Amino acid sequence: MKIPYLRLMASLALGNLLLAAGVMEFISPCGIILGGATGISLIITHFAHLPLPSVVLAANVLLFAAGAFVLGRKFAAATIASTLLYPLFMALFELFPGTLAQQVQDPLLSAVFGGVLMGCGVGLIIRSGGSSGGTDILALILNTKLHVNLSVLLYITDACVLAGQALFSDARQILLGIFVLALLKAMMNKIMVMGKTKIQILVVTDKAEEIRRSILSEEDAGATLFAVEKGYSGQQGTAILCIIPRRKLYSVCHMIKSTDPASFFIITEVKEVQGRGFTYGRH
C-alpha cells in the first residue's frame, strides 16, 4: 500500500474524528443548533428520542445513496469514507458524552471549541479530496437539477435545517449555532490552505537583471520577468514576479531596497502555488 494513500486515509479518519468530537463533546451537550445532516438528526432525535449516531448514520446513508445515484461513482468514492466514519466516531464519543463540555461549563467556550474542532475536521476532509457528505449532497443534487449557484443552495439548506431546530431552541442556542457555523467555515478555509500559502512580490525596477540574479542565487527562488510601460513617465521598464516562502520576505525586501532604492514593489499573499519548483522539482 502506497504511503500517499495511507496519508489520505489517515487525514480522512482524523478529520471525521475531530468533527465527531466537536459535535458530541461540545455542541450537542449544550443544545447548540447545527446545520447539515447532524442538524437534521438533532431535529429527529428531539422528537423521536433515538441515539444521535444512529440517526446520523441513517441520514448519511440515505443522502449518500441519492448522491451516488444522481452524481455518479466519482462522487460516491469521495464521500463514502465520511458517510461511515463520522457516525462511527460519534458512537465512540457517545460512550462518554459531554465530558469536556461538563469540565468547561460555559456554552460560549463550548461553542468556540466545538466550532474550531468541526472546522478543522471538515477542512482536513476536503483537503484530502473527500466530502463531508450530509446536506452538501442535497445541495449538489439540486444544483444539477435546478442549475442554481451551489453556494446559494448550501446556505439555503443550512438555513432550513437551522430554522427547524429554532422551533425548540432558545435565543442563546440559536445565536451560538450561527456563531459555530461561521467559525466552522472560517477554520475550514484556514485548514484547507494551511502550509500552502506563499508570498508574491511584484517589482518594477530599472535594475531588473541585478535583482533577478540575487533572487536566483542568494535567495534560491525563481523569478519571471516581463516588459511593462510605466504609467507616469511612459517609459518602458521591466517587472519581476517572484513567489517565496514567508520566512524569506524580509531578506528579499532588503535586497530589493539595497539594489534599487527607487524600485516599486507590491507584496501579496497567495493561497496556493502549483507547478515546477513548488509541487514538484525544478529539474
C-alpha atoms as a PDB file:
ATOM      1  CA  MET A   1       0.000   0.000   0.000  1.00  0.00           C
ATOM      2  CA  LYS A   2       1.448   3.354  -1.032  1.00  0.00           C
ATOM      3  CA  ILE A   3       2.366   5.976   1.552  1.00  0.00           C
ATOM      4  CA  PRO A   4       0.242   8.749  -0.075  1.00  0.00           C
ATOM      5  CA  TYR A   5      -2.830   6.502   0.185  1.00  0.00           C
ATOM      6  CA  LEU A   6      -2.107   5.843   3.868  1.00  0.00           C
ATOM      7  CA  ARG A   7      -1.748   9.584   4.468  1.00  0.00           C
ATOM      8  CA  LEU A   8      -5.028  10.196   2.668  1.00  0.00           C
ATOM      9  CA  MET A   9      -6.907   7.672   4.783  1.00  0.00           C
ATOM     10  CA  ALA A  10      -5.259   8.943   7.986  1.00  0.00           C
ATOM     11  CA  SER A  11      -6.270  12.512   7.121  1.00  0.00           C
ATOM     12  CA  LEU A  12      -9.851  11.462   6.371  1.00  0.00           C
ATOM     13  CA  ALA A  13     -10.040   9.489   9.626  1.00  0.00           C
ATOM     14  CA  LEU A  14      -8.585  12.354  11.686  1.00  0.00           C
ATOM     15  CA  GLY A  15     -10.945  14.830  10.054  1.00  0.00           C
ATOM     16  CA  ASN A  16     -14.006  12.746  10.896  1.00  0.00           C
ATOM     17  CA  LEU A  17     -12.692  12.147  14.420  1.00  0.00           C
ATOM     18  CA  LEU A  18     -12.345  15.899  15.048  1.00  0.00           C
ATOM     19  CA  LEU A  19     -15.766  16.538  13.537  1.00  0.00           C
ATOM     20  CA  ALA A  20     -17.397  13.921  15.776  1.00  0.00           C
ATOM     21  CA  ALA A  21     -15.527  15.192  18.845  1.00  0.00           C
ATOM     22  CA  GLY A  22     -16.724  18.748  18.270  1.00  0.00           C
ATOM     23  CA  VAL A  23     -20.353  17.649  17.953  1.00  0.00           C
ATOM     24  CA  MET A  24     -20.535  15.052  20.729  1.00  0.00           C
ATOM     25  CA  GLU A  25     -18.284  16.697  23.306  1.00  0.00           C
ATOM     26  CA  PHE A  26     -19.191  20.375  22.914  1.00  0.00           C
ATOM     27  CA  ILE A  27     -22.123  21.153  20.617  1.00  0.00           C
ATOM     28  CA  SER A  28     -24.764  18.512  21.340  1.00  0.00           C
ATOM     29  CA  PRO A  29     -24.490  18.616  25.188  1.00  0.00           C
ATOM     30  CA  CYS A  30     -25.166  22.365  25.146  1.00  0.00           C
ATOM     31  CA  GLY A  31     -28.139  22.061  22.783  1.00  0.00           C
ATOM     32  CA  ILE A  32     -26.492  24.336  20.207  1.00  0.00           C
ATOM     33  CA  ILE A  33     -28.178  24.152  16.802  1.00  0.00           C
ATOM     34  CA  LEU A  34     -26.237  22.860  13.803  1.00  0.00           C
ATOM     35  CA  GLY A  35     -26.550  22.679  10.042  1.00  0.00           C
ATOM     36  CA  GLY A  36     -26.052  19.676   7.771  1.00  0.00           C
ATOM     37  CA  ALA A  37     -27.095  16.084   8.321  1.00  0.00           C
ATOM     38  CA  THR A  38     -26.220  16.424  12.006  1.00  0.00           C
ATOM     39  CA  GLY A  39     -28.738  19.248  12.304  1.00  0.00           C
ATOM     40  CA  ILE A  40     -31.427  17.142  10.612  1.00  0.00           C
ATOM     41  CA  SER A  41     -30.601  14.308  13.015  1.00  0.00           C
ATOM     42  CA  LEU A  42     -30.867  16.652  16.013  1.00  0.00           C
ATOM     43  CA  ILE A  43     -34.397  17.585  14.893  1.00  0.00           C
ATOM     44  CA  ILE A  44     -35.348  13.901  14.605  1.00  0.00           C
ATOM     45  CA  THR A  45     -33.816  12.928  17.961  1.00  0.00           C
ATOM     46  CA  HIS A  46     -35.601  15.812  19.678  1.00  0.00           C
ATOM     47  CA  PHE A  47     -38.968  14.287  18.798  1.00  0.00           C
ATOM     48  CA  ALA A  48     -38.140  10.563  18.459  1.00  0.00           C
ATOM     49  CA  HIS A  49     -35.574  10.192  21.296  1.00  0.00           C
ATOM     50  CA  LEU A  50     -33.273   7.979  19.224  1.00  0.00           C
ATOM     51  CA  PRO A  51     -29.446   7.699  19.538  1.00  0.00           C
ATOM     52  CA  LEU A  52     -27.883  10.572  17.622  1.00  0.00           C
ATOM     53  CA  PRO A  53     -25.106   8.481  15.945  1.00  0.00           C
ATOM     54  CA  SER A  54     -27.689   6.010  14.607  1.00  0.00           C
ATOM     55  CA  VAL A  55     -29.847   8.765  13.143  1.00  0.00           C
ATOM     56  CA  VAL A  56     -26.791  10.478  11.611  1.00  0.00           C
ATOM     57  CA  LEU A  57     -25.755   7.173  10.029  1.00  0.00           C
ATOM     58  CA  ALA A  58     -29.234   6.636   8.586  1.00  0.00           C
ATOM     59  CA  ALA A  59     -29.391  10.203   7.244  1.00  0.00           C
ATOM     60  CA  ASN A  60     -25.912   9.962   5.743  1.00  0.00           C
ATOM     61  CA  VAL A  61     -26.632   6.614   4.093  1.00  0.00           C
ATOM     62  CA  LEU A  62     -29.873   7.890   2.548  1.00  0.00           C
ATOM     63  CA  LEU A  63     -28.219  11.072   1.263  1.00  0.00           C
ATOM     64  CA  PHE A  64     -25.209   9.075   0.063  1.00  0.00           C
ATOM     65  CA  ALA A  65     -27.449   6.682  -1.883  1.00  0.00           C
ATOM     66  CA  ALA A  66     -29.264   9.598  -3.514  1.00  0.00           C
ATOM     67  CA  GLY A  67     -25.966  11.304  -4.326  1.00  0.00           C
ATOM     68  CA  ALA A  68     -24.416   8.162  -5.784  1.00  0.00           C
ATOM     69  CA  PHE A  69     -27.490   7.629  -7.977  1.00  0.00           C
ATOM     70  CA  VAL A  70     -27.622  11.212  -9.282  1.00  0.00           C
ATOM     71  CA  LEU A  71     -23.971  12.326  -9.160  1.00  0.00           C
ATOM     72  CA  GLY A  72     -22.194   9.075 -10.084  1.00  0.00           C
ATOM     73  CA  ARG A  73     -19.314   6.862  -8.926  1.00  0.00           C
ATOM     74  CA  LYS A  74     -16.661   9.555  -8.585  1.00  0.00           C
ATOM     75  CA  PHE A  75     -18.778  11.414  -6.054  1.00  0.00           C
ATOM     76  CA  ALA A  76     -19.560   8.185  -4.197  1.00  0.00           C
ATOM     77  CA  ALA A  77     -15.872   7.292  -3.867  1.00  0.00           C
ATOM     78  CA  ALA A  78     -15.085  10.712  -2.352  1.00  0.00           C
ATOM     79  CA  THR A  79     -17.972  10.584   0.128  1.00  0.00           C
ATOM     80  CA  ILE A  80     -18.251   7.012   1.378  1.00  0.00           C
ATOM     81  CA  ALA A  81     -15.457   7.317   3.973  1.00  0.00           C
ATOM     82  CA  SER A  82     -17.151  10.172   5.841  1.00  0.00           C
ATOM     83  CA  THR A  83     -20.566   8.550   5.466  1.00  0.00           C
ATOM     84  CA  LEU A  84     -19.348   5.631   7.608  1.00  0.00           C
ATOM     85  CA  LEU A  85     -16.514   7.057   9.731  1.00  0.00           C
ATOM     86  CA  TYR A  86     -18.356  10.084  11.094  1.00  0.00           C
ATOM     87  CA  PRO A  87     -21.249   8.126  12.701  1.00  0.00           C
ATOM     88  CA  LEU A  88     -18.764   5.512  13.938  1.00  0.00           C
ATOM     89  CA  PHE A  89     -16.696   8.098  15.805  1.00  0.00           C
ATOM     90  CA  MET A  90     -19.887   9.693  17.122  1.00  0.00           C
ATOM     91  CA  ALA A  91     -20.891   6.329  18.576  1.00  0.00           C
ATOM     92  CA  LEU A  92     -17.491   6.072  20.290  1.00  0.00           C
ATOM     93  CA  PHE A  93     -17.819   9.539  21.834  1.00  0.00           C
ATOM     94  CA  GLU A  94     -21.363   8.684  22.939  1.00  0.00           C
ATOM     95  CA  LEU A  95     -19.800   6.317  25.490  1.00  0.00           C
ATOM     96  CA  PHE A  96     -18.726   9.423  27.450  1.00  0.00           C
ATOM     97  CA  PRO A  97     -20.846  12.268  26.013  1.00  0.00           C
ATOM     98  CA  GLY A  98     -20.215  15.852  27.009  1.00  0.00           C
ATOM     99  CA  THR A  99     -17.262  15.052  29.257  1.00  0.00           C
ATOM    100  CA  LEU A 100     -15.285  18.070  28.065  1.00  0.00           C
ATOM    101  CA  ALA A 101     -18.327  20.354  27.999  1.00  0.00           C
ATOM    102  CA  GLN A 102     -19.009  19.479  31.626  1.00  0.00           C
ATOM    103  CA  GLN A 103     -15.455  20.485  32.502  1.00  0.00           C
ATOM    104  CA  VAL A 104     -15.782  23.771  30.613  1.00  0.00           C
ATOM    105  CA  GLN A 105     -19.269  24.580  31.971  1.00  0.00           C
ATOM    106  CA  ASP A 106     -19.641  27.533  29.617  1.00  0.00           C
ATOM    107  CA  PRO A 107     -21.803  27.330  26.450  1.00  0.00           C
ATOM    108  CA  LEU A 108     -19.801  30.055  24.720  1.00  0.00           C
ATOM    109  CA  LEU A 109     -16.482  28.270  25.290  1.00  0.00           C
ATOM    110  CA  SER A 110     -18.121  25.026  24.175  1.00  0.00           C
ATOM    111  CA  ALA A 111     -19.270  26.768  21.003  1.00  0.00           C
ATOM    112  CA  VAL A 112     -15.745  28.067  20.362  1.00  0.00           C
ATOM    113  CA  PHE A 113     -14.005  24.721  20.896  1.00  0.00           C
ATOM    114  CA  GLY A 114     -16.744  22.831  19.070  1.00  0.00           C
ATOM    115  CA  GLY A 115     -16.622  25.173  16.089  1.00  0.00           C
ATOM    116  CA  VAL A 116     -12.823  25.006  15.902  1.00  0.00           C
ATOM    117  CA  LEU A 117     -12.773  21.189  16.083  1.00  0.00           C
ATOM    118  CA  MET A 118     -15.520  20.846  13.492  1.00  0.00           C
ATOM    119  CA  GLY A 119     -13.886  23.370  11.156  1.00  0.00           C
ATOM    120  CA  CYS A 120     -10.526  21.601  11.414  1.00  0.00           C
ATOM    121  CA  GLY A 121     -12.232  18.277  10.764  1.00  0.00           C
ATOM    122  CA  VAL A 122     -14.154  19.412   7.688  1.00  0.00           C
ATOM    123  CA  GLY A 123     -11.045  21.222   6.387  1.00  0.00           C
ATOM    124  CA  LEU A 124      -8.957  18.042   6.647  1.00  0.00           C
ATOM    125  CA  ILE A 125     -11.662  16.014   4.895  1.00  0.00           C
ATOM    126  CA  ILE A 126     -11.971  18.430   1.974  1.00  0.00           C
ATOM    127  CA  ARG A 127      -8.188  18.955   1.783  1.00  0.00           C
ATOM    128  CA  SER A 128      -7.834  15.177   1.367  1.00  0.00           C
ATOM    129  CA  GLY A 129     -10.190  15.233  -1.608  1.00  0.00           C
ATOM    130  CA  GLY A 130     -13.117  13.808   0.339  1.00  0.00           C
ATOM    131  CA  SER A 131     -16.549  15.168   1.137  1.00  0.00           C
ATOM    132  CA  SER A 132     -18.265  15.557   4.485  1.00  0.00           C
ATOM    133  CA  GLY A 133     -21.499  14.436   2.825  1.00  0.00           C
ATOM    134  CA  GLY A 134     -24.686  15.424   4.622  1.00  0.00           C
ATOM    135  CA  THR A 135     -26.758  18.249   3.165  1.00  0.00           C
ATOM    136  CA  ASP A 136     -23.865  19.109   0.825  1.00  0.00           C
ATOM    137  CA  ILE A 137     -25.136  16.149  -1.202  1.00  0.00           C
ATOM    138  CA  LEU A 138     -28.637  17.590  -1.306  1.00  0.00           C
ATOM    139  CA  ALA A 139     -27.266  20.939  -2.489  1.00  0.00           C
ATOM    140  CA  LEU A 140     -25.202  19.228  -5.204  1.00  0.00           C
ATOM    141  CA  ILE A 141     -28.233  17.284  -6.407  1.00  0.00           C
ATOM    142  CA  LEU A 142     -30.355  20.450  -6.546  1.00  0.00           C
ATOM    143  CA  ASN A 143     -27.518  22.217  -8.351  1.00  0.00           C
ATOM    144  CA  THR A 144     -27.510  19.608 -11.138  1.00  0.00           C
ATOM    145  CA  LYS A 145     -31.294  19.764 -11.473  1.00  0.00           C
ATOM    146  CA  LEU A 146     -32.067  23.453 -10.944  1.00  0.00           C
ATOM    147  CA  HIS A 147     -28.737  24.989 -12.095  1.00  0.00           C
ATOM    148  CA  VAL A 148     -28.786  27.410  -9.162  1.00  0.00           C
ATOM    149  CA  ASN A 149     -25.489  28.656  -7.695  1.00  0.00           C
ATOM    150  CA  LEU A 150     -24.082  25.949  -5.384  1.00  0.00           C
ATOM    151  CA  SER A 151     -23.057  28.384  -2.627  1.00  0.00           C
ATOM    152  CA  VAL A 152     -26.592  29.790  -2.526  1.00  0.00           C
ATOM    153  CA  LEU A 153     -28.046  26.276  -2.268  1.00  0.00           C
ATOM    154  CA  LEU A 154     -25.655  25.370   0.555  1.00  0.00           C
ATOM    155  CA  TYR A 155     -26.716  28.437   2.540  1.00  0.00           C
ATOM    156  CA  ILE A 156     -30.399  27.746   1.867  1.00  0.00           C
ATOM    157  CA  THR A 157     -30.191  24.105   3.008  1.00  0.00           C
ATOM    158  CA  ASP A 158     -28.258  25.052   6.153  1.00  0.00           C
ATOM    159  CA  ALA A 159     -30.716  27.878   6.875  1.00  0.00           C
ATOM    160  CA  CYS A 160     -33.673  25.483   6.577  1.00  0.00           C
ATOM    161  CA  VAL A 161     -32.041  22.997   8.962  1.00  0.00           C
ATOM    162  CA  LEU A 162     -31.211  25.746  11.460  1.00  0.00           C
ATOM    163  CA  ALA A 163     -34.755  27.093  11.224  1.00  0.00           C
ATOM    164  CA  GLY A 164     -36.136  23.631  12.004  1.00  0.00           C
ATOM    165  CA  GLN A 165     -34.128  23.493  15.230  1.00  0.00           C
ATOM    166  CA  ALA A 166     -35.028  27.067  16.135  1.00  0.00           C
ATOM    167  CA  LEU A 167     -38.585  25.866  16.804  1.00  0.00           C
ATOM    168  CA  PHE A 168     -37.465  24.123  20.005  1.00  0.00           C
ATOM    169  CA  SER A 169     -34.322  26.117  20.899  1.00  0.00           C
ATOM    170  CA  ASP A 170     -33.907  29.287  22.935  1.00  0.00           C
ATOM    171  CA  ALA A 171     -32.313  32.511  21.675  1.00  0.00           C
ATOM    172  CA  ARG A 172     -28.895  31.692  23.159  1.00  0.00           C
ATOM    173  CA  GLN A 173     -28.743  28.284  21.438  1.00  0.00           C
ATOM    174  CA  ILE A 174     -29.764  29.846  18.123  1.00  0.00           C
ATOM    175  CA  LEU A 175     -27.170  32.633  18.314  1.00  0.00           C
ATOM    176  CA  LEU A 176     -24.461  30.195  19.389  1.00  0.00           C
ATOM    177  CA  GLY A 177     -25.410  27.936  16.478  1.00  0.00           C
ATOM    178  CA  ILE A 178     -24.953  30.791  13.999  1.00  0.00           C
ATOM    179  CA  PHE A 179     -21.621  31.604  15.655  1.00  0.00           C
ATOM    180  CA  VAL A 180     -20.488  27.957  15.411  1.00  0.00           C
ATOM    181  CA  LEU A 181     -21.413  27.832  11.717  1.00  0.00           C
ATOM    182  CA  ALA A 182     -19.393  30.993  10.975  1.00  0.00           C
ATOM    183  CA  LEU A 183     -16.411  29.728  12.996  1.00  0.00           C
ATOM    184  CA  LEU A 184     -16.609  26.339  11.271  1.00  0.00           C
ATOM    185  CA  LYS A 185     -16.447  27.965   7.821  1.00  0.00           C
ATOM    186  CA  ALA A 186     -13.519  30.194   8.829  1.00  0.00           C
ATOM    187  CA  MET A 187     -11.477  27.336  10.305  1.00  0.00           C
ATOM    188  CA  MET A 188     -12.282  25.085   7.350  1.00  0.00           C
ATOM    189  CA  ASN A 189     -10.913  27.675   4.915  1.00  0.00           C
ATOM    190  CA  LYS A 190      -7.755  28.087   7.026  1.00  0.00           C
ATOM    191  CA  ILE A 191      -7.070  24.351   7.230  1.00  0.00           C
ATOM    192  CA  MET A 192      -7.648  23.816   3.510  1.00  0.00           C
ATOM    193  CA  VAL A 193      -4.724  26.106   2.606  1.00  0.00           C
ATOM    194  CA  MET A 194      -2.552  25.650   5.709  1.00  0.00           C
ATOM    195  CA  GLY A 195       1.087  25.139   4.765  1.00  0.00           C
ATOM    196  CA  LYS A 196       0.384  26.084   1.136  1.00  0.00           C
ATOM    197  CA  THR A 197       0.319  29.882   1.332  1.00  0.00           C
ATOM    198  CA  LYS A 198       3.198  31.794  -0.235  1.00  0.00           C
ATOM    199  CA  ILE A 199       4.242  35.424  -0.644  1.00  0.00           C
ATOM    200  CA  GLN A 200       4.134  37.020  -4.081  1.00  0.00           C
ATOM    201  CA  ILE A 201       6.334  40.019  -4.838  1.00  0.00           C
ATOM    202  CA  LEU A 202       5.902  42.104  -7.978  1.00  0.00           C
ATOM    203  CA  VAL A 203       8.809  44.502  -8.568  1.00  0.00           C
ATOM    204  CA  VAL A 204       9.035  47.280 -11.149  1.00  0.00           C
ATOM    205  CA  THR A 205      12.664  48.336 -11.359  1.00  0.00           C
ATOM    206  CA  ASP A 206      15.375  49.724 -13.616  1.00  0.00           C
ATOM    207  CA  LYS A 207      17.831  47.152 -12.243  1.00  0.00           C
ATOM    208  CA  ALA A 208      15.875  44.032 -13.112  1.00  0.00           C
ATOM    209  CA  GLU A 209      18.882  41.924 -14.080  1.00  0.00           C
ATOM    210  CA  GLU A 210      20.733  42.548 -10.795  1.00  0.00           C
ATOM    211  CA  ILE A 211      17.636  41.765  -8.736  1.00  0.00           C
ATOM    212  CA  ARG A 212      16.911  38.666 -10.834  1.00  0.00           C
ATOM    213  CA  ARG A 213      20.418  37.302 -10.224  1.00  0.00           C
ATOM    214  CA  SER A 214      20.151  37.956  -6.486  1.00  0.00           C
ATOM    215  CA  ILE A 215      16.775  36.196  -6.279  1.00  0.00           C
ATOM    216  CA  LEU A 216      18.096  33.153  -8.142  1.00  0.00           C
ATOM    217  CA  SER A 217      21.464  32.849  -6.383  1.00  0.00           C
ATOM    218  CA  GLU A 218      21.164  34.397  -2.940  1.00  0.00           C
ATOM    219  CA  GLU A 219      17.503  33.595  -2.162  1.00  0.00           C
ATOM    220  CA  ASP A 220      17.311  30.305  -4.069  1.00  0.00           C
ATOM    221  CA  ALA A 221      13.940  31.314  -5.529  1.00  0.00           C
ATOM    222  CA  GLY A 222      12.511  31.635  -9.015  1.00  0.00           C
ATOM    223  CA  ALA A 223      11.620  34.781 -10.928  1.00  0.00           C
ATOM    224  CA  THR A 224       9.626  35.704 -14.010  1.00  0.00           C
ATOM    225  CA  LEU A 225      10.401  38.869 -15.989  1.00  0.00           C
ATOM    226  CA  PHE A 226       8.072  40.729 -18.318  1.00  0.00           C
ATOM    227  CA  ALA A 227       8.056  44.082 -20.073  1.00  0.00           C
ATOM    228  CA  VAL A 228       5.893  46.906 -18.711  1.00  0.00           C
ATOM    229  CA  GLU A 229       5.191  50.518 -19.516  1.00  0.00           C
ATOM    230  CA  LYS A 230       5.394  52.982 -16.644  1.00  0.00           C
ATOM    231  CA  GLY A 231       2.159  54.920 -16.366  1.00  0.00           C
ATOM    232  CA  TYR A 232       3.598  58.244 -15.181  1.00  0.00           C
ATOM    233  CA  SER A 233       6.668  58.575 -17.393  1.00  0.00           C
ATOM    234  CA  GLY A 234       5.527  56.414 -20.310  1.00  0.00           C
ATOM    235  CA  GLN A 235       8.955  54.763 -20.331  1.00  0.00           C
ATOM    236  CA  GLN A 236       9.481  51.066 -20.952  1.00  0.00           C
ATOM    237  CA  GLY A 237      10.595  49.023 -17.984  1.00  0.00           C
ATOM    238  CA  THR A 238      10.835  45.509 -16.563  1.00  0.00           C
ATOM    239  CA  ALA A 239       8.768  43.865 -13.870  1.00  0.00           C
ATOM    240  CA  ILE A 240       9.846  40.831 -11.842  1.00  0.00           C
ATOM    241  CA  LEU A 241       7.365  38.381 -10.376  1.00  0.00           C
ATOM    242  CA  CYS A 242       8.667  36.228  -7.537  1.00  0.00           C
ATOM    243  CA  ILE A 243       6.990  33.649  -5.272  1.00  0.00           C
ATOM    244  CA  ILE A 244       8.754  32.957  -1.963  1.00  0.00           C
ATOM    245  CA  PRO A 245       8.101  31.389   1.450  1.00  0.00           C
ATOM    246  CA  ARG A 246       7.065  33.839   4.161  1.00  0.00           C
ATOM    247  CA  ARG A 247      10.372  33.349   6.020  1.00  0.00           C
ATOM    248  CA  LYS A 248      12.306  34.862   3.067  1.00  0.00           C
ATOM    249  CA  LEU A 249      10.202  38.022   2.845  1.00  0.00           C
ATOM    250  CA  TYR A 250      12.478  40.263   4.927  1.00  0.00           C
ATOM    251  CA  SER A 251      15.692  39.285   3.170  1.00  0.00           C
ATOM    252  CA  VAL A 252      14.169  39.654  -0.318  1.00  0.00           C
ATOM    253  CA  CYS A 253      12.714  43.079   0.519  1.00  0.00           C
ATOM    254  CA  HIS A 254      16.031  44.204   1.981  1.00  0.00           C
ATOM    255  CA  MET A 255      17.842  43.029  -1.149  1.00  0.00           C
ATOM    256  CA  ILE A 256      15.433  44.879  -3.454  1.00  0.00           C
ATOM    257  CA  LYS A 257      15.712  48.144  -1.487  1.00  0.00           C
ATOM    258  CA  SER A 258      19.504  47.983  -1.317  1.00  0.00           C
ATOM    259  CA  THR A 259      19.834  47.161  -5.029  1.00  0.00           C
ATOM    260  CA  ASP A 260      17.359  49.765  -6.310  1.00  0.00           C
ATOM    261  CA  PRO A 261      16.000  52.220  -3.701  1.00  0.00           C
ATOM    262  CA  ALA A 262      13.734  53.748  -6.369  1.00  0.00           C
ATOM    263  CA  SER A 263      12.050  50.444  -7.209  1.00  0.00           C
ATOM    264  CA  PHE A 264       8.321  49.956  -6.822  1.00  0.00           C
ATOM    265  CA  PHE A 265       7.101  46.634  -5.464  1.00  0.00           C
ATOM    266  CA  ILE A 266       3.867  45.037  -4.259  1.00  0.00           C
ATOM    267  CA  ILE A 267       3.623  42.243  -1.671  1.00  0.00           C
ATOM    268  CA  THR A 268       0.593  39.955  -1.607  1.00  0.00           C
ATOM    269  CA  GLU A 269      -0.288  36.601  -0.057  1.00  0.00           C
ATOM    270  CA  VAL A 270      -1.327  33.781  -2.379  1.00  0.00           C
ATOM    271  CA  LYS A 271      -3.337  30.800  -1.145  1.00  0.00           C
ATOM    272  CA  GLU A 272      -1.509  28.105  -3.092  1.00  0.00           C
ATOM    273  CA  VAL A 273       1.101  27.685  -5.822  1.00  0.00           C
ATOM    274  CA  GLN A 274       1.215  24.735  -8.220  1.00  0.00           C
ATOM    275  CA  GLY A 275       3.912  23.760 -10.698  1.00  0.00           C
ATOM    276  CA  ARG A 276       7.648  23.383 -11.160  1.00  0.00           C
ATOM    277  CA  GLY A 277       9.689  24.363  -8.143  1.00  0.00           C
ATOM    278  CA  PHE A 278       6.707  24.142  -5.812  1.00  0.00           C
ATOM    279  CA  THR A 279       4.628  20.967  -6.126  1.00  0.00           C
ATOM    280  CA  TYR A 280       7.458  19.139  -7.911  1.00  0.00           C
ATOM    281  CA  GLY A 281      11.196  19.638  -8.520  1.00  0.00           C
ATOM    282  CA  ARG A 282      12.773  22.307 -10.688  1.00  0.00           C
ATOM    283  CA  HIS A 283      14.640  19.877 -12.895  1.00  0.00           C
END
